[in-house]
Amino acid sequence: MIMARWYGFWYGGPSYSPPQEEDLEEFSSLAEAKHKLIERYLYGYWQVSRFDFLRREPALVLTPCVTEDCEITLYRSRHGGDYPELRIFRGPRGGIRSERC
């Protein structure tokens, strides 16, 4: 099975500013991106999350105050592009949903 890499911008909700170009991250798979989203939402107050940025040094970051409307917009290309391919976000019962953009 081939694992496809994804590239995306994480947004933590209204407590965070919108992501900038240098905030583009690399995820080894869609499953990893989903795991990072839930990890940052549930454990951000006390557990650091690794951000594998492409355009700056990777960082270990606490993500407090992430809200229920957090999301990651995902691209197939490391160059991002004008429009994302997928959006992953929390569903109404707390699971992670994905939708094509």
Protein backbone atom coordinates (compact mmCIF):
# COMPACT_ATOMS: atom_id res chain seq x y z
CA MET A 1 0.00 0.00 0.00
CA ILE A 2 1.36 3.42 -0.95
CA MET A 3 0.95 6.17 1.60
CA ALA A 4 0.34 9.51 -0.09
CA ARG A 5 1.85 12.62 1.43
CA TRP A 6 -0.41 15.56 2.12
CA TYR A 7 0.39 19.21 2.69
CA GLY A 8 -1.85 21.46 4.68
CA PHE A 9 -2.65 24.51 6.73
CA TRP A 10 -3.92 23.99 10.28
CA TYR A 11 -6.36 26.51 11.75
CA GLY A 12 -7.21 26.33 15.46
CA GLY A 13 -10.37 28.44 15.36
CA PRO A 14 -11.10 32.08 16.20
CA SER A 15 -8.47 32.11 18.99
CA TYR A 16 -5.81 31.78 16.27
CA SER A 17 -4.87 33.95 13.33
CA PRO A 18 -5.40 32.49 9.85
CA PRO A 19 -2.43 30.44 8.61
CA GLN A 20 0.20 32.15 6.49
CA GLU A 21 2.24 30.72 3.57
CA GLU A 22 5.13 29.77 5.88
CA ASP A 23 2.73 27.67 8.01
CA LEU A 24 2.39 24.93 5.37
CA GLU A 25 2.94 21.52 7.00
CA GLU A 26 3.73 18.09 5.62
CA PHE A 27 1.75 15.01 6.72
CA SER A 28 2.89 11.49 5.86
CA SER A 29 -0.72 10.37 5.28
CA LEU A 30 -4.32 11.43 5.61
CA ALA A 31 -4.49 9.39 8.84
CA GLU A 32 -1.61 11.41 10.31
CA ALA A 33 -3.33 14.70 9.43
CA LYS A 34 -6.53 13.52 11.15
CA HIS A 35 -4.53 12.40 14.19
CA LYS A 36 -2.80 15.80 14.41
CA LEU A 37 -6.11 17.63 14.23
CA ILE A 38 -7.65 15.71 17.12
CA GLU A 39 -4.39 15.77 19.12
CA ARG A 40 -4.16 19.56 18.90
CA TYR A 41 -7.81 19.94 19.86
CA LEU A 42 -7.87 17.52 22.80
CA TYR A 43 -4.37 17.78 24.27
CA GLY A 44 -3.04 21.17 23.21
CA TYR A 45 -3.05 22.64 26.71
CA TRP A 46 -0.47 20.21 28.09
CA GLN A 47 1.00 18.07 25.30
CA VAL A 48 3.21 19.52 22.59
CA SER A 49 2.42 18.76 18.97
CA ARG A 50 5.06 18.56 16.27
CA PHE A 51 4.54 20.90 13.34
CA ASP A 52 6.54 19.70 10.31
CA PHE A 53 6.69 23.00 8.47
CA LEU A 54 8.05 23.06 4.93
CA ARG A 55 9.13 26.69 4.74
CA ARG A 56 10.66 27.03 8.20
CA GLU A 57 12.10 24.87 10.95
CA PRO A 58 9.86 22.16 12.45
CA ALA A 59 8.55 23.08 15.90
CA LEU A 60 7.11 21.49 19.03
CA VAL A 61 4.18 23.66 20.08
CA LEU A 62 1.45 23.77 22.72
CA THR A 63 -1.93 24.58 21.15
CA PRO A 64 -4.21 25.90 23.92
CA CYS A 65 -7.67 27.37 23.22
CA VAL A 66 -8.31 25.34 20.06
CA THR A 67 -12.03 25.49 19.36
CA GLU A 68 -14.48 23.01 17.86
CA ASP A 69 -14.24 24.72 14.48
CA CYS A 70 -10.57 23.81 14.03
CA GLU A 71 -9.63 22.37 10.64
CA ILE A 72 -6.81 21.45 8.28
CA THR A 73 -7.09 22.27 4.59
CA LEU A 74 -5.09 19.73 2.60
CA TYR A 75 -3.28 19.86 -0.73
CA ARG A 76 -1.60 17.11 -2.78
CA SER A 77 1.26 19.38 -3.80
CA ARG A 78 3.91 20.90 -1.57
CA HIS A 79 3.33 24.13 -3.47
CA GLY A 80 -0.16 24.42 -2.02
CA GLY A 81 -2.15 26.01 -4.77
CA ASP A 82 -5.16 28.18 -5.09
CA TYR A 83 -7.68 25.67 -3.85
CA PRO A 84 -7.33 22.77 -1.39
CA GLU A 85 -8.30 19.22 -2.29
CA LEU A 86 -9.68 18.22 1.12
CA ARG A 87 -10.80 19.81 4.35
CA ILE A 88 -10.74 17.81 7.59
CA PHE A 89 -12.64 19.03 10.62
CA ARG A 90 -14.50 17.91 13.75
CA GLY A 91 -17.95 16.50 13.16
CA PRO A 92 -21.00 17.20 15.34
CA ARG A 93 -20.33 14.16 17.55
CA GLY A 94 -16.59 14.75 17.97
CA GLY A 95 -15.24 12.53 15.19
CA ILE A 96 -13.06 13.72 12.33
CA ARG A 97 -14.77 14.29 8.99
CA SER A 98 -13.32 15.03 5.60
CA GLU A 99 -14.89 16.66 2.60
CA ARG A 100 -13.68 17.46 -0.89
CA CYS A 101 -13.32 21.13 -1.62
